[in-house]
Amino acid sequence: MTILLQMNDADAAETWRAALRRELPDMAIAVYPDEIRDPSAIAYAVVWKPPRGMLATLPNLRAILCTGAGVDHLTSDPELPRNVPVVRMVDPGMTARMTEYVVHAVLHHHRRMREYTAQQETRTWRELPVPLGQDRHVGILGLGELGSDAARVLHTLRFDVAGWSATRKHLDGVASFAGNAELSAFLARTEILVCLLPLTGTTRGILNRDVLGRLPAGACLINAARGALLVESDLLHLLSTGRIAEATLDVFHEEPLPDTHPFWGHPRIRVTPHVASATPPETAAARIAENVRAMQAGHRPWPIVDMAEGY
């Protein structure tokens, strides 16, 4: 019985292999594509953005274990085996990294650091007014594992935090909005919007001119989820009118971001190269091993993706 390990970078594959061997020393690990000798021997596939159709060539596959929180690259594969559970990654290291990124970005916008950087370039010594954190309204789109942790930490930093999700969540100190009926009210009170939604048929393009236009004038956007959630031309328009003051973007429709993309040189956009929550193998391998051992013992892995919902 073999674990197939598929990564899009050889160095990453070796790092993951070493981490998985520490956790599952009795399991054979074959790195895709060169080490596949017998596809029928593969029981578990540990993957990140595998080639379309590849998983369908493994006849005895028992589980597809994604190394990231997002699974849209799997659910969009028309040949994905529908009888095999897809397990998304929930890992404390990955969650901690995302929360660090979100907190840093919120503080960057809250404390007007972009403007202070511009002032330094012109040697301008001028204090800019900033409200107390308790008077700054932060809103998080998506209160899953990542969004909930970020919301809790921002609350401990005394920000006024609210979250929006498809179904109502209950987090101490965090106002909860749910469903389409409450989206407008959530947006109207949000000065810094953090998007941590999964990419599904319903959420694709949700960060558009209409939705972002319901934020208070001068609001800020942070997108650390998926690039396809954002309509890029709409954001550029809202920035040009001042409706949106500035944005921090970690994810994009095309990655790497092309050299000619207008985001690179935009004075009100901060670009990072999809680094908000890279999965650390040293902690995530233990989570994968837990699921493999559970299935070996006849139990279900967790969390299994609801294919109808897309996450």
C-alpha atoms as a PDB file:
ATOM      1  CA  MET A   1       0.000   0.000   0.000  1.00  0.00           C
ATOM      2  CA  THR A   2       1.487   3.281  -1.169  1.00  0.00           C
ATOM      3  CA  ILE A   3       1.015   7.026  -0.677  1.00  0.00           C
ATOM      4  CA  LEU A   4       1.340   9.070  -3.848  1.00  0.00           C
ATOM      5  CA  LEU A   5       2.911  12.483  -3.250  1.00  0.00           C
ATOM      6  CA  GLN A   6       2.319  15.076  -5.974  1.00  0.00           C
ATOM      7  CA  MET A   7       3.860  18.527  -5.777  1.00  0.00           C
ATOM      8  CA  ASN A   8       4.685  21.039  -8.491  1.00  0.00           C
ATOM      9  CA  ASP A   9       8.184  21.641  -7.149  1.00  0.00           C
ATOM     10  CA  ALA A  10      10.861  18.994  -6.649  1.00  0.00           C
ATOM     11  CA  ASP A  11      12.308  20.582  -3.504  1.00  0.00           C
ATOM     12  CA  ALA A  12       8.852  20.850  -1.951  1.00  0.00           C
ATOM     13  CA  ALA A  13       8.196  17.196  -2.765  1.00  0.00           C
ATOM     14  CA  GLU A  14      11.341  16.100  -0.936  1.00  0.00           C
ATOM     15  CA  THR A  15      10.473  18.241   2.091  1.00  0.00           C
ATOM     16  CA  TRP A  16       6.993  16.719   2.199  1.00  0.00           C
ATOM     17  CA  ARG A  17       8.379  13.204   1.729  1.00  0.00           C
ATOM     18  CA  ALA A  18      10.708  13.611   4.703  1.00  0.00           C
ATOM     19  CA  ALA A  19       7.891  14.968   6.873  1.00  0.00           C
ATOM     20  CA  LEU A  20       5.510  12.151   5.881  1.00  0.00           C
ATOM     21  CA  ARG A  21       8.159   9.493   6.478  1.00  0.00           C
ATOM     22  CA  ARG A  22       8.597  10.738  10.040  1.00  0.00           C
ATOM     23  CA  GLU A  23       4.861  10.407  10.635  1.00  0.00           C
ATOM     24  CA  LEU A  24       4.189   7.238   8.612  1.00  0.00           C
ATOM     25  CA  PRO A  25       7.434   5.219   8.629  1.00  0.00           C
ATOM     26  CA  ASP A  26       5.696   2.001   7.562  1.00  0.00           C
ATOM     27  CA  MET A  27       4.105   3.453   4.415  1.00  0.00           C
ATOM     28  CA  ALA A  28       5.748   3.548   1.008  1.00  0.00           C
ATOM     29  CA  ILE A  29       5.809   7.034  -0.529  1.00  0.00           C
ATOM     30  CA  ALA A  30       6.047   7.495  -4.287  1.00  0.00           C
ATOM     31  CA  VAL A  31       6.620  10.943  -5.778  1.00  0.00           C
ATOM     32  CA  TYR A  32       4.673  11.756  -8.937  1.00  0.00           C
ATOM     33  CA  PRO A  33       5.366  11.174 -11.776  1.00  0.00           C
ATOM     34  CA  ASP A  34       8.725   9.388 -11.856  1.00  0.00           C
ATOM     35  CA  GLU A  35       8.190   6.929  -9.001  1.00  0.00           C
ATOM     36  CA  ILE A  36       4.822   5.489  -9.995  1.00  0.00           C
ATOM     37  CA  ARG A  37       5.449   1.820 -10.750  1.00  0.00           C
ATOM     38  CA  ASP A  38       2.049   0.284 -10.025  1.00  0.00           C
ATOM     39  CA  PRO A  39      -0.934   2.687 -10.013  1.00  0.00           C
ATOM     40  CA  SER A  40      -3.131  -0.007  -8.455  1.00  0.00           C
ATOM     41  CA  ALA A  41      -0.942  -0.023  -5.307  1.00  0.00           C
ATOM     42  CA  ILE A  42      -1.671   3.611  -4.500  1.00  0.00           C
ATOM     43  CA  ALA A  43      -4.212   3.978  -1.701  1.00  0.00           C
ATOM     44  CA  TYR A  44      -3.777   7.639  -0.724  1.00  0.00           C
ATOM     45  CA  ALA A  45      -2.883  10.674  -2.819  1.00  0.00           C
ATOM     46  CA  VAL A  46      -1.335  13.710  -1.126  1.00  0.00           C
ATOM     47  CA  VAL A  47      -1.639  16.448  -3.711  1.00  0.00           C
ATOM     48  CA  TRP A  48      -1.483  20.108  -4.631  1.00  0.00           C
ATOM     49  CA  LYS A  49      -2.893  21.133  -8.022  1.00  0.00           C
ATOM     50  CA  PRO A  50      -2.452  17.732  -9.706  1.00  0.00           C
ATOM     51  CA  PRO A  51      -2.754  17.437 -13.494  1.00  0.00           C
ATOM     52  CA  ARG A  52      -6.361  17.045 -14.568  1.00  0.00           C
ATOM     53  CA  GLY A  53      -7.323  13.425 -14.968  1.00  0.00           C
ATOM     54  CA  MET A  54      -4.324  12.107 -13.057  1.00  0.00           C
ATOM     55  CA  LEU A  55      -6.299  10.958 -10.020  1.00  0.00           C
ATOM     56  CA  ALA A  56      -8.708   9.029 -12.230  1.00  0.00           C
ATOM     57  CA  THR A  57      -5.817   6.721 -13.245  1.00  0.00           C
ATOM     58  CA  LEU A  58      -5.505   5.317  -9.710  1.00  0.00           C
ATOM     59  CA  PRO A  59      -8.027   2.454  -9.490  1.00  0.00           C
ATOM     60  CA  ASN A  60      -7.706   1.653  -5.769  1.00  0.00           C
ATOM     61  CA  LEU A  61      -7.536   5.190  -4.401  1.00  0.00           C
ATOM     62  CA  ARG A  62      -9.129   5.478  -0.957  1.00  0.00           C
ATOM     63  CA  ALA A  63      -8.684   9.212  -0.269  1.00  0.00           C
ATOM     64  CA  ILE A  64      -7.408  12.408  -1.877  1.00  0.00           C
ATOM     65  CA  LEU A  65      -5.625  14.489   0.758  1.00  0.00           C
ATOM     66  CA  CYS A  66      -5.122  18.106  -0.285  1.00  0.00           C
ATOM     67  CA  THR A  67      -2.161  19.958   1.220  1.00  0.00           C
ATOM     68  CA  GLY A  68      -4.030  23.275   1.147  1.00  0.00           C
ATOM     69  CA  ALA A  69      -7.284  24.675   2.482  1.00  0.00           C
ATOM     70  CA  GLY A  70      -8.584  25.498  -1.010  1.00  0.00           C
ATOM     71  CA  VAL A  71      -9.813  22.592  -3.120  1.00  0.00           C
ATOM     72  CA  ASP A  72     -11.191  24.393  -6.181  1.00  0.00           C
ATOM     73  CA  HIS A  73      -8.324  22.977  -8.268  1.00  0.00           C
ATOM     74  CA  LEU A  74      -9.697  19.513  -7.453  1.00  0.00           C
ATOM     75  CA  THR A  75     -13.436  20.142  -7.651  1.00  0.00           C
ATOM     76  CA  SER A  76     -12.956  21.712 -11.106  1.00  0.00           C
ATOM     77  CA  ASP A  77     -11.420  18.488 -12.492  1.00  0.00           C
ATOM     78  CA  PRO A  78     -14.168  16.836 -14.580  1.00  0.00           C
ATOM     79  CA  GLU A  79     -12.437  13.456 -14.210  1.00  0.00           C
ATOM     80  CA  LEU A  80     -12.112  13.606 -10.416  1.00  0.00           C
ATOM     81  CA  PRO A  81     -13.212  10.222  -8.979  1.00  0.00           C
ATOM     82  CA  ARG A  82     -16.571  10.987  -7.374  1.00  0.00           C
ATOM     83  CA  ASN A  83     -16.513   7.936  -5.120  1.00  0.00           C
ATOM     84  CA  VAL A  84     -13.268   8.953  -3.406  1.00  0.00           C
ATOM     85  CA  PRO A  85     -13.382  11.376  -0.454  1.00  0.00           C
ATOM     86  CA  VAL A  86     -11.484  14.644  -0.885  1.00  0.00           C
ATOM     87  CA  VAL A  87     -10.009  15.854   2.396  1.00  0.00           C
ATOM     88  CA  ARG A  88      -8.979  19.479   2.723  1.00  0.00           C
ATOM     89  CA  MET A  89      -6.188  20.638   4.992  1.00  0.00           C
ATOM     90  CA  VAL A  90      -6.934  21.998   8.445  1.00  0.00           C
ATOM     91  CA  ASP A  91      -3.616  22.547  10.177  1.00  0.00           C
ATOM     92  CA  PRO A  92      -2.653  24.752  13.127  1.00  0.00           C
ATOM     93  CA  GLY A  93       0.535  25.939  11.429  1.00  0.00           C
ATOM     94  CA  MET A  94      -1.308  26.997   8.297  1.00  0.00           C
ATOM     95  CA  THR A  95      -4.000  28.702  10.370  1.00  0.00           C
ATOM     96  CA  ALA A  96      -1.384  30.588  12.394  1.00  0.00           C
ATOM     97  CA  ARG A  97       0.316  31.814   9.229  1.00  0.00           C
ATOM     98  CA  MET A  98      -2.932  33.101   7.754  1.00  0.00           C
ATOM     99  CA  THR A  99      -3.826  34.896  10.973  1.00  0.00           C
ATOM    100  CA  GLU A 100      -0.390  36.535  11.053  1.00  0.00           C
ATOM    101  CA  TYR A 101      -0.878  37.768   7.501  1.00  0.00           C
ATOM    102  CA  VAL A 102      -4.381  39.084   8.148  1.00  0.00           C
ATOM    103  CA  VAL A 103      -3.425  40.843  11.374  1.00  0.00           C
ATOM    104  CA  HIS A 104      -0.413  42.453   9.718  1.00  0.00           C
ATOM    105  CA  ALA A 105      -2.509  43.638   6.770  1.00  0.00           C
ATOM    106  CA  VAL A 106      -5.283  44.998   8.990  1.00  0.00           C
ATOM    107  CA  LEU A 107      -2.760  46.907  11.105  1.00  0.00           C
ATOM    108  CA  HIS A 108      -1.059  48.189   7.956  1.00  0.00           C
ATOM    109  CA  HIS A 109      -4.293  49.735   6.731  1.00  0.00           C
ATOM    110  CA  HIS A 110      -5.576  50.764  10.162  1.00  0.00           C
ATOM    111  CA  ARG A 111      -2.368  52.632  11.051  1.00  0.00           C
ATOM    112  CA  ARG A 112      -2.091  54.177   7.544  1.00  0.00           C
ATOM    113  CA  MET A 113       1.360  52.748   6.919  1.00  0.00           C
ATOM    114  CA  ARG A 114       1.112  53.137   3.143  1.00  0.00           C
ATOM    115  CA  GLU A 115       0.722  56.881   3.613  1.00  0.00           C
ATOM    116  CA  TYR A 116       3.591  57.047   6.087  1.00  0.00           C
ATOM    117  CA  THR A 117       5.797  55.203   3.593  1.00  0.00           C
ATOM    118  CA  ALA A 118       4.895  57.808   0.963  1.00  0.00           C
ATOM    119  CA  GLN A 119       5.630  60.589   3.436  1.00  0.00           C
ATOM    120  CA  GLN A 120       9.057  59.144   4.153  1.00  0.00           C
ATOM    121  CA  GLU A 121       9.882  59.245   0.446  1.00  0.00           C
ATOM    122  CA  THR A 122       9.186  62.996   0.430  1.00  0.00           C
ATOM    123  CA  ARG A 123      10.669  63.536   3.930  1.00  0.00           C
ATOM    124  CA  THR A 124       7.320  64.741   5.206  1.00  0.00           C
ATOM    125  CA  TRP A 125       6.842  64.809   8.997  1.00  0.00           C
ATOM    126  CA  ARG A 126       3.085  64.801   9.566  1.00  0.00           C
ATOM    127  CA  GLU A 127       0.912  62.840  11.954  1.00  0.00           C
ATOM    128  CA  LEU A 128      -2.130  61.190  10.383  1.00  0.00           C
ATOM    129  CA  PRO A 129      -5.265  60.716  12.511  1.00  0.00           C
ATOM    130  CA  VAL A 130      -6.124  57.108  13.375  1.00  0.00           C
ATOM    131  CA  PRO A 131      -9.085  55.904  15.462  1.00  0.00           C
ATOM    132  CA  LEU A 132      -8.677  53.505  18.348  1.00  0.00           C
ATOM    133  CA  GLY A 133      -8.939  49.850  17.379  1.00  0.00           C
ATOM    134  CA  GLN A 134     -12.249  49.577  19.213  1.00  0.00           C
ATOM    135  CA  ASP A 135     -13.635  52.153  16.820  1.00  0.00           C
ATOM    136  CA  ARG A 136     -12.289  50.473  13.682  1.00  0.00           C
ATOM    137  CA  HIS A 137     -14.806  48.114  12.060  1.00  0.00           C
ATOM    138  CA  VAL A 138     -13.165  45.039  10.538  1.00  0.00           C
ATOM    139  CA  GLY A 139     -15.239  42.536   8.603  1.00  0.00           C
ATOM    140  CA  ILE A 140     -14.220  39.016   7.607  1.00  0.00           C
ATOM    141  CA  LEU A 141     -15.912  37.341   4.654  1.00  0.00           C
ATOM    142  CA  GLY A 142     -15.761  33.649   5.500  1.00  0.00           C
ATOM    143  CA  LEU A 143     -15.734  32.286   9.038  1.00  0.00           C
ATOM    144  CA  GLY A 144     -14.263  28.847   8.483  1.00  0.00           C
ATOM    145  CA  GLU A 145     -11.180  27.625  10.340  1.00  0.00           C
ATOM    146  CA  LEU A 146      -8.993  30.401   8.956  1.00  0.00           C
ATOM    147  CA  GLY A 147     -11.508  33.236   9.207  1.00  0.00           C
ATOM    148  CA  SER A 148     -12.599  32.313  12.708  1.00  0.00           C
ATOM    149  CA  ASP A 149      -9.056  32.261  14.039  1.00  0.00           C
ATOM    150  CA  ALA A 150      -8.260  35.627  12.453  1.00  0.00           C
ATOM    151  CA  ALA A 151     -11.477  37.082  13.890  1.00  0.00           C
ATOM    152  CA  ARG A 152     -10.624  35.886  17.404  1.00  0.00           C
ATOM    153  CA  VAL A 153      -7.131  37.359  17.311  1.00  0.00           C
ATOM    154  CA  LEU A 154      -8.324  40.686  15.892  1.00  0.00           C
ATOM    155  CA  HIS A 155     -10.911  40.807  18.675  1.00  0.00           C
ATOM    156  CA  THR A 156      -8.168  40.317  21.278  1.00  0.00           C
ATOM    157  CA  LEU A 157      -6.419  43.312  19.694  1.00  0.00           C
ATOM    158  CA  ARG A 158      -9.588  45.286  20.499  1.00  0.00           C
ATOM    159  CA  PHE A 159     -10.854  45.770  16.953  1.00  0.00           C
ATOM    160  CA  ASP A 160     -14.607  45.849  16.385  1.00  0.00           C
ATOM    161  CA  VAL A 161     -14.891  42.592  14.408  1.00  0.00           C
ATOM    162  CA  ALA A 162     -17.774  41.110  12.449  1.00  0.00           C
ATOM    163  CA  GLY A 163     -17.933  38.078  10.208  1.00  0.00           C
ATOM    164  CA  TRP A 164     -20.130  36.963   7.349  1.00  0.00           C
ATOM    165  CA  SER A 165     -20.726  33.371   6.297  1.00  0.00           C
ATOM    166  CA  ALA A 166     -23.327  31.271   4.554  1.00  0.00           C
ATOM    167  CA  THR A 167     -24.586  30.015   7.927  1.00  0.00           C
ATOM    168  CA  ARG A 168     -24.419  31.850  11.233  1.00  0.00           C
ATOM    169  CA  LYS A 169     -21.363  31.276  13.410  1.00  0.00           C
ATOM    170  CA  HIS A 170     -21.006  31.976  17.131  1.00  0.00           C
ATOM    171  CA  LEU A 171     -17.684  33.506  18.194  1.00  0.00           C
ATOM    172  CA  ASP A 172     -17.251  35.436  21.428  1.00  0.00           C
ATOM    173  CA  GLY A 173     -16.961  39.141  20.753  1.00  0.00           C
ATOM    174  CA  VAL A 174     -17.531  38.797  16.998  1.00  0.00           C
ATOM    175  CA  ALA A 175     -20.776  39.969  15.414  1.00  0.00           C
ATOM    176  CA  SER A 176     -22.163  37.328  13.073  1.00  0.00           C
ATOM    177  CA  PHE A 177     -23.952  37.997   9.784  1.00  0.00           C
ATOM    178  CA  ALA A 178     -25.268  35.166   7.632  1.00  0.00           C
ATOM    179  CA  GLY A 179     -26.719  34.638   4.191  1.00  0.00           C
ATOM    180  CA  ASN A 180     -27.493  36.978   1.334  1.00  0.00           C
ATOM    181  CA  ALA A 181     -30.150  38.792   3.352  1.00  0.00           C
ATOM    182  CA  GLU A 182     -27.525  40.100   5.812  1.00  0.00           C
ATOM    183  CA  LEU A 183     -24.642  40.755   3.404  1.00  0.00           C
ATOM    184  CA  SER A 184     -25.493  44.418   2.815  1.00  0.00           C
ATOM    185  CA  ALA A 185     -25.698  45.173   6.540  1.00  0.00           C
ATOM    186  CA  PHE A 186     -22.336  43.470   7.067  1.00  0.00           C
ATOM    187  CA  LEU A 187     -20.701  45.453   4.279  1.00  0.00           C
ATOM    188  CA  ALA A 188     -22.187  48.785   5.398  1.00  0.00           C
ATOM    189  CA  ARG A 189     -20.399  48.568   8.757  1.00  0.00           C
ATOM    190  CA  THR A 190     -17.051  47.266   7.430  1.00  0.00           C
ATOM    191  CA  GLU A 191     -14.140  49.687   7.018  1.00  0.00           C
ATOM    192  CA  ILE A 192     -11.491  47.010   6.454  1.00  0.00           C
ATOM    193  CA  LEU A 193     -12.772  43.979   4.553  1.00  0.00           C
ATOM    194  CA  VAL A 194     -10.855  40.691   4.781  1.00  0.00           C
ATOM    195  CA  CYS A 195     -11.835  38.006   2.271  1.00  0.00           C
ATOM    196  CA  LEU A 196     -11.183  34.393   3.316  1.00  0.00           C
ATOM    197  CA  LEU A 197     -13.990  32.711   1.386  1.00  0.00           C
ATOM    198  CA  PRO A 198     -13.551  29.428  -0.479  1.00  0.00           C
ATOM    199  CA  LEU A 199     -13.835  29.604  -4.249  1.00  0.00           C
ATOM    200  CA  THR A 200     -17.098  28.033  -5.399  1.00  0.00           C
ATOM    201  CA  GLY A 201     -19.621  28.636  -8.149  1.00  0.00           C
ATOM    202  CA  THR A 202     -21.466  30.917  -5.756  1.00  0.00           C
ATOM    203  CA  THR A 203     -18.499  32.971  -4.550  1.00  0.00           C
ATOM    204  CA  ARG A 204     -16.611  33.383  -7.837  1.00  0.00           C
ATOM    205  CA  GLY A 205     -16.446  37.118  -8.597  1.00  0.00           C
ATOM    206  CA  ILE A 206     -18.114  38.106  -5.325  1.00  0.00           C
ATOM    207  CA  LEU A 207     -15.638  40.970  -4.845  1.00  0.00           C
ATOM    208  CA  ASN A 208     -17.176  43.021  -7.611  1.00  0.00           C
ATOM    209  CA  ARG A 209     -18.225  46.625  -8.132  1.00  0.00           C
ATOM    210  CA  ASP A 210     -21.643  46.060  -6.566  1.00  0.00           C
ATOM    211  CA  VAL A 211     -20.463  44.277  -3.421  1.00  0.00           C
ATOM    212  CA  LEU A 212     -17.374  46.415  -2.823  1.00  0.00           C
ATOM    213  CA  GLY A 213     -19.444  49.510  -3.568  1.00  0.00           C
ATOM    214  CA  ARG A 214     -21.593  48.766  -0.520  1.00  0.00           C
ATOM    215  CA  LEU A 215     -18.617  49.319   1.786  1.00  0.00           C
ATOM    216  CA  PRO A 216     -18.255  52.767   3.393  1.00  0.00           C
ATOM    217  CA  ALA A 217     -16.377  55.250   1.225  1.00  0.00           C
ATOM    218  CA  GLY A 218     -12.631  54.925   1.798  1.00  0.00           C
ATOM    219  CA  ALA A 219     -12.749  51.285   2.925  1.00  0.00           C
ATOM    220  CA  CYS A 220      -9.789  48.937   2.478  1.00  0.00           C
ATOM    221  CA  LEU A 221      -9.731  45.429   0.975  1.00  0.00           C
ATOM    222  CA  ILE A 222      -7.574  42.434   1.909  1.00  0.00           C
ATOM    223  CA  ASN A 223      -7.899  39.334  -0.287  1.00  0.00           C
ATOM    224  CA  ALA A 224      -5.936  36.307   0.912  1.00  0.00           C
ATOM    225  CA  ALA A 225      -8.325  33.637  -0.341  1.00  0.00           C
ATOM    226  CA  ARG A 226      -8.507  33.108  -4.116  1.00  0.00           C
ATOM    227  CA  GLY A 227      -7.823  35.462  -7.005  1.00  0.00           C
ATOM    228  CA  ALA A 228     -10.998  34.484  -8.867  1.00  0.00           C
ATOM    229  CA  LEU A 229     -13.113  35.913  -6.056  1.00  0.00           C
ATOM    230  CA  LEU A 230     -12.094  39.409  -7.212  1.00  0.00           C
ATOM    231  CA  VAL A 231     -13.179  41.192 -10.357  1.00  0.00           C
ATOM    232  CA  GLU A 232      -9.898  42.996 -10.945  1.00  0.00           C
ATOM    233  CA  SER A 233     -11.229  45.698 -13.260  1.00  0.00           C
ATOM    234  CA  ASP A 234     -13.919  46.579 -10.715  1.00  0.00           C
ATOM    235  CA  LEU A 235     -11.331  47.060  -7.984  1.00  0.00           C
ATOM    236  CA  LEU A 236      -9.246  49.299 -10.243  1.00  0.00           C
ATOM    237  CA  HIS A 237     -12.331  51.398 -10.986  1.00  0.00           C
ATOM    238  CA  LEU A 238     -13.256  51.757  -7.307  1.00  0.00           C
ATOM    239  CA  LEU A 239      -9.685  52.721  -6.432  1.00  0.00           C
ATOM    240  CA  SER A 240      -9.688  55.363  -9.158  1.00  0.00           C
ATOM    241  CA  THR A 241     -12.849  56.943  -7.742  1.00  0.00           C
ATOM    242  CA  GLY A 242     -11.637  56.763  -4.124  1.00  0.00           C
ATOM    243  CA  ARG A 243     -14.522  54.519  -3.131  1.00  0.00           C
ATOM    244  CA  ILE A 244     -11.880  51.986  -2.069  1.00  0.00           C
ATOM    245  CA  ALA A 245      -8.856  53.632  -0.450  1.00  0.00           C
ATOM    246  CA  GLU A 246      -6.326  50.813  -0.826  1.00  0.00           C
ATOM    247  CA  ALA A 247      -5.929  47.058  -1.034  1.00  0.00           C
ATOM    248  CA  THR A 248      -3.616  44.237   0.002  1.00  0.00           C
ATOM    249  CA  LEU A 249      -3.758  41.326  -2.447  1.00  0.00           C
ATOM    250  CA  ASP A 250      -2.061  37.960  -2.034  1.00  0.00           C
ATOM    251  CA  VAL A 251      -3.933  35.973  -4.703  1.00  0.00           C
ATOM    252  CA  PHE A 252      -4.632  36.607  -8.368  1.00  0.00           C
ATOM    253  CA  HIS A 253      -6.405  35.242 -11.437  1.00  0.00           C
ATOM    254  CA  GLU A 254      -3.031  34.459 -13.013  1.00  0.00           C
ATOM    255  CA  GLU A 255      -0.072  33.430 -10.874  1.00  0.00           C
ATOM    256  CA  PRO A 256       2.692  34.474 -11.001  1.00  0.00           C
ATOM    257  CA  LEU A 257       1.232  37.910 -11.601  1.00  0.00           C
ATOM    258  CA  PRO A 258       2.332  38.995 -15.112  1.00  0.00           C
ATOM    259  CA  ASP A 259       4.986  41.702 -15.286  1.00  0.00           C
ATOM    260  CA  THR A 260       2.612  43.967 -17.214  1.00  0.00           C
ATOM    261  CA  HIS A 261      -0.275  43.691 -14.761  1.00  0.00           C
ATOM    262  CA  PRO A 262      -1.466  47.107 -13.488  1.00  0.00           C
ATOM    263  CA  PHE A 263      -1.521  45.895  -9.882  1.00  0.00           C
ATOM    264  CA  TRP A 264       2.299  45.895  -9.744  1.00  0.00           C
ATOM    265  CA  GLY A 265       2.673  49.631 -10.119  1.00  0.00           C
ATOM    266  CA  HIS A 266      -0.545  50.810  -8.528  1.00  0.00           C
ATOM    267  CA  PRO A 267       0.198  53.224  -5.670  1.00  0.00           C
ATOM    268  CA  ARG A 268      -2.738  51.983  -3.589  1.00  0.00           C
ATOM    269  CA  ILE A 269      -2.257  48.243  -4.004  1.00  0.00           C
ATOM    270  CA  ARG A 270       0.181  46.109  -2.063  1.00  0.00           C
ATOM    271  CA  VAL A 271       1.046  42.813  -3.800  1.00  0.00           C
ATOM    272  CA  THR A 272       2.384  39.670  -2.115  1.00  0.00           C
ATOM    273  CA  PRO A 273       3.089  36.423  -4.059  1.00  0.00           C
ATOM    274  CA  HIS A 274       0.483  34.011  -2.609  1.00  0.00           C
ATOM    275  CA  VAL A 275       2.347  33.626   0.681  1.00  0.00           C
ATOM    276  CA  ALA A 276      -0.353  34.355   3.249  1.00  0.00           C
ATOM    277  CA  SER A 277      -0.787  30.778   4.363  1.00  0.00           C
ATOM    278  CA  ALA A 278       1.667  28.388   2.753  1.00  0.00           C
ATOM    279  CA  THR A 279       1.166  24.974   4.365  1.00  0.00           C
ATOM    280  CA  PRO A 280       4.105  24.029   6.629  1.00  0.00           C
ATOM    281  CA  PRO A 281       4.928  20.324   6.053  1.00  0.00           C
ATOM    282  CA  GLU A 282       6.418  20.025   9.532  1.00  0.00           C
ATOM    283  CA  THR A 283       2.951  20.391  11.104  1.00  0.00           C
ATOM    284  CA  ALA A 284       0.633  19.422   8.227  1.00  0.00           C
ATOM    285  CA  ALA A 285       2.202  15.980   7.749  1.00  0.00           C
ATOM    286  CA  ALA A 286       0.909  15.012  11.189  1.00  0.00           C
ATOM    287  CA  ARG A 287      -2.604  15.963  10.133  1.00  0.00           C
ATOM    288  CA  ILE A 288      -2.351  13.842   6.986  1.00  0.00           C
ATOM    289  CA  ALA A 289      -0.973  10.939   9.026  1.00  0.00           C
ATOM    290  CA  GLU A 290      -3.933  11.157  11.430  1.00  0.00           C
ATOM    291  CA  ASN A 291      -6.330  10.767   8.527  1.00  0.00           C
ATOM    292  CA  VAL A 292      -4.389   7.897   6.969  1.00  0.00           C
ATOM    293  CA  ARG A 293      -4.295   6.039  10.275  1.00  0.00           C
ATOM    294  CA  ALA A 294      -7.998   6.712  10.782  1.00  0.00           C
ATOM    295  CA  MET A 295      -8.851   5.229   7.402  1.00  0.00           C
ATOM    296  CA  GLN A 296      -6.578   2.261   8.006  1.00  0.00           C
ATOM    297  CA  ALA A 297      -8.610   1.620  11.147  1.00  0.00           C
ATOM    298  CA  GLY A 298     -11.891   1.842   9.245  1.00  0.00           C
ATOM    299  CA  HIS A 299     -12.850   5.404  10.215  1.00  0.00           C
ATOM    300  CA  ARG A 300     -13.715   8.394   8.047  1.00  0.00           C
ATOM    301  CA  PRO A 301     -11.149  11.137   7.448  1.00  0.00           C
ATOM    302  CA  TRP A 302     -11.861  14.786   8.346  1.00  0.00           C
ATOM    303  CA  PRO A 303     -12.791  17.255   7.003  1.00  0.00           C
ATOM    304  CA  ILE A 304     -14.312  15.734   3.875  1.00  0.00           C
ATOM    305  CA  VAL A 305     -15.199  18.208   1.131  1.00  0.00           C
ATOM    306  CA  ASP A 306     -18.890  18.520   0.333  1.00  0.00           C
ATOM    307  CA  MET A 307     -18.699  18.284  -3.444  1.00  0.00           C
ATOM    308  CA  ALA A 308     -22.083  19.945  -3.870  1.00  0.00           C
ATOM    309  CA  GLU A 309     -20.919  22.982  -1.896  1.00  0.00           C
ATOM    310  CA  GLY A 310     -17.373  22.958  -3.246  1.00  0.00           C
ATOM    311  CA  TYR A 311     -15.575  23.090   0.125  1.00  0.00           C
END
